[in-house]
Amino acid sequence: MFGHQIILLCDRIIELGLADSREAFSIRYCDRARGYLGDYTRREGATARVSPRTIARIRHRLAEVVAIRQDLAAEIRDLDATIERDIYIATLLGRRSR
């Protein structure tokens, strides 16, 4: 997953009402500091890789949300599928750049 993809994911989670802001997403979903996503909005941040630990934390948190908010299960499944796709794309592009 690249920086621009985590920003889009964050914005979708905010749209669903699961986080109030990018700062809240950084803290609750990424287990990072409040300004974490700011690094990805800077010049080279859009193409920076998101760490596997952060991706795992986001997916774990989304799984917890499904347990509480069954009404959002379909949307969260779609988010998880998007994460899978983004990881796959980043992996493919990473292999090609070597």
C-alpha atoms as a PDB file:
ATOM      1  CA  MET A   1       0.000   0.000   0.000  1.00  0.00           C
ATOM      2  CA  PHE A   2       1.251   3.466  -0.881  1.00  0.00           C
ATOM      3  CA  GLY A   3       0.752   6.796   0.859  1.00  0.00           C
ATOM      4  CA  HIS A   4      -1.930   8.068  -1.496  1.00  0.00           C
ATOM      5  CA  GLN A   5      -3.901   4.851  -0.940  1.00  0.00           C
ATOM      6  CA  ILE A   6      -3.907   5.142   2.850  1.00  0.00           C
ATOM      7  CA  ILE A   7      -5.145   8.734   2.506  1.00  0.00           C
ATOM      8  CA  LEU A   8      -8.057   7.539   0.341  1.00  0.00           C
ATOM      9  CA  LEU A   9      -8.780   4.752   2.831  1.00  0.00           C
ATOM     10  CA  CYS A  10      -8.767   7.226   5.689  1.00  0.00           C
ATOM     11  CA  ASP A  11     -11.145   9.566   3.872  1.00  0.00           C
ATOM     12  CA  ARG A  12     -13.548   6.674   3.237  1.00  0.00           C
ATOM     13  CA  ILE A  13     -13.448   5.663   6.903  1.00  0.00           C
ATOM     14  CA  ILE A  14     -14.240   9.260   7.847  1.00  0.00           C
ATOM     15  CA  GLU A  15     -17.163   9.261   5.362  1.00  0.00           C
ATOM     16  CA  LEU A  16     -18.528   6.147   7.058  1.00  0.00           C
ATOM     17  CA  GLY A  17     -18.387   7.960  10.396  1.00  0.00           C
ATOM     18  CA  LEU A  18     -15.807   5.584  11.881  1.00  0.00           C
ATOM     19  CA  ALA A  19     -13.281   8.354  12.534  1.00  0.00           C
ATOM     20  CA  ASP A  20     -13.728  12.087  13.010  1.00  0.00           C
ATOM     21  CA  SER A  21     -10.540  13.242  11.305  1.00  0.00           C
ATOM     22  CA  ARG A  22      -7.257  12.149   9.784  1.00  0.00           C
ATOM     23  CA  GLU A  23      -5.657  12.681  13.169  1.00  0.00           C
ATOM     24  CA  ALA A  24      -8.183  10.383  14.846  1.00  0.00           C
ATOM     25  CA  PHE A  25      -7.630   7.787  12.109  1.00  0.00           C
ATOM     26  CA  SER A  26      -3.878   7.946  12.684  1.00  0.00           C
ATOM     27  CA  ILE A  27      -4.287   7.310  16.386  1.00  0.00           C
ATOM     28  CA  ARG A  28      -7.154   4.787  16.430  1.00  0.00           C
ATOM     29  CA  TYR A  29      -6.622   2.832  13.253  1.00  0.00           C
ATOM     30  CA  CYS A  30      -2.889   3.109  12.596  1.00  0.00           C
ATOM     31  CA  ASP A  31      -1.704   3.170  16.218  1.00  0.00           C
ATOM     32  CA  ARG A  32       0.516   6.094  15.280  1.00  0.00           C
ATOM     33  CA  ALA A  33       0.965   9.718  16.263  1.00  0.00           C
ATOM     34  CA  ARG A  34      -1.643  12.330  15.400  1.00  0.00           C
ATOM     35  CA  GLY A  35       0.384  13.738  12.481  1.00  0.00           C
ATOM     36  CA  TYR A  36       1.184  10.370  10.905  1.00  0.00           C
ATOM     37  CA  LEU A  37      -0.785  10.923   7.692  1.00  0.00           C
ATOM     38  CA  GLY A  38       0.876  14.282   7.184  1.00  0.00           C
ATOM     39  CA  ASP A  39       3.992  12.450   6.034  1.00  0.00           C
ATOM     40  CA  TYR A  40       1.993  10.935   3.182  1.00  0.00           C
ATOM     41  CA  THR A  41       0.585  14.270   2.016  1.00  0.00           C
ATOM     42  CA  ARG A  42       4.022  15.775   1.475  1.00  0.00           C
ATOM     43  CA  ARG A  43       5.785  15.788  -1.879  1.00  0.00           C
ATOM     44  CA  GLU A  44       7.252  12.254  -1.913  1.00  0.00           C
ATOM     45  CA  GLY A  45       4.773  10.802   0.562  1.00  0.00           C
ATOM     46  CA  ALA A  46       2.194   9.764  -2.016  1.00  0.00           C
ATOM     47  CA  THR A  47       4.503   7.042  -3.314  1.00  0.00           C
ATOM     48  CA  ALA A  48       5.967   6.017   0.042  1.00  0.00           C
ATOM     49  CA  ARG A  49       5.156   2.494   1.226  1.00  0.00           C
ATOM     50  CA  VAL A  50       2.959   2.032   4.278  1.00  0.00           C
ATOM     51  CA  SER A  51       4.477  -0.386   6.763  1.00  0.00           C
ATOM     52  CA  PRO A  52       2.977  -3.884   7.020  1.00  0.00           C
ATOM     53  CA  ARG A  53       2.537  -3.326  10.765  1.00  0.00           C
ATOM     54  CA  THR A  54       0.344  -0.287  10.120  1.00  0.00           C
ATOM     55  CA  ILE A  55      -1.717  -2.114   7.504  1.00  0.00           C
ATOM     56  CA  ALA A  56      -2.219  -5.038   9.878  1.00  0.00           C
ATOM     57  CA  ARG A  57      -3.341  -2.649  12.622  1.00  0.00           C
ATOM     58  CA  ILE A  58      -5.888  -0.998  10.306  1.00  0.00           C
ATOM     59  CA  ARG A  59      -7.296  -4.349   9.240  1.00  0.00           C
ATOM     60  CA  HIS A  60      -7.498  -5.542  12.840  1.00  0.00           C
ATOM     61  CA  ARG A  61      -9.339  -2.381  13.864  1.00  0.00           C
ATOM     62  CA  LEU A  62     -11.785  -2.752  10.962  1.00  0.00           C
ATOM     63  CA  ALA A  63     -12.484  -6.337  12.041  1.00  0.00           C
ATOM     64  CA  GLU A  64     -13.274  -5.040  15.530  1.00  0.00           C
ATOM     65  CA  VAL A  65     -15.670  -2.485  14.067  1.00  0.00           C
ATOM     66  CA  VAL A  66     -17.574  -5.197  12.160  1.00  0.00           C
ATOM     67  CA  ALA A  67     -18.189  -7.016  15.428  1.00  0.00           C
ATOM     68  CA  ILE A  68     -19.866  -3.887  16.790  1.00  0.00           C
ATOM     69  CA  ARG A  69     -21.415  -2.389  13.636  1.00  0.00           C
ATOM     70  CA  GLN A  70     -22.988  -5.197  11.627  1.00  0.00           C
ATOM     71  CA  ASP A  71     -24.796  -2.560   9.545  1.00  0.00           C
ATOM     72  CA  LEU A  72     -21.430  -1.612   8.029  1.00  0.00           C
ATOM     73  CA  ALA A  73     -20.214  -5.149   7.344  1.00  0.00           C
ATOM     74  CA  ALA A  74     -20.555  -4.854   3.549  1.00  0.00           C
ATOM     75  CA  GLU A  75     -18.730  -1.524   3.430  1.00  0.00           C
ATOM     76  CA  ILE A  76     -15.942  -2.826   5.635  1.00  0.00           C
ATOM     77  CA  ARG A  77     -15.574  -5.944   3.474  1.00  0.00           C
ATOM     78  CA  ASP A  78     -15.179  -3.602   0.508  1.00  0.00           C
ATOM     79  CA  LEU A  79     -12.530  -1.623   2.386  1.00  0.00           C
ATOM     80  CA  ASP A  80     -10.665  -4.805   3.200  1.00  0.00           C
ATOM     81  CA  ALA A  81     -10.806  -5.889  -0.447  1.00  0.00           C
ATOM     82  CA  THR A  82      -9.415  -2.483  -1.405  1.00  0.00           C
ATOM     83  CA  ILE A  83      -6.574  -2.921   1.085  1.00  0.00           C
ATOM     84  CA  GLU A  84      -5.795  -6.358  -0.392  1.00  0.00           C
ATOM     85  CA  ARG A  85      -5.743  -4.889  -3.895  1.00  0.00           C
ATOM     86  CA  ASP A  86      -3.521  -1.989  -2.820  1.00  0.00           C
ATOM     87  CA  ILE A  87      -1.041  -4.343  -1.145  1.00  0.00           C
ATOM     88  CA  TYR A  88      -0.936  -6.468  -4.290  1.00  0.00           C
ATOM     89  CA  ILE A  89      -0.325  -3.457  -6.529  1.00  0.00           C
ATOM     90  CA  ALA A  90       2.410  -2.079  -4.264  1.00  0.00           C
ATOM     91  CA  THR A  91       4.094  -5.485  -4.210  1.00  0.00           C
ATOM     92  CA  LEU A  92       3.996  -5.772  -8.004  1.00  0.00           C
ATOM     93  CA  LEU A  93       5.388  -2.283  -8.473  1.00  0.00           C
ATOM     94  CA  GLY A  94       8.069  -2.931  -5.882  1.00  0.00           C
ATOM     95  CA  ARG A  95       9.266  -6.002  -7.759  1.00  0.00           C
ATOM     96  CA  ARG A  96       9.450  -4.124 -11.044  1.00  0.00           C
ATOM     97  CA  SER A  97      11.563  -1.318  -9.633  1.00  0.00           C
ATOM     98  CA  ARG A  98      14.411  -3.662  -8.623  1.00  0.00           C
END
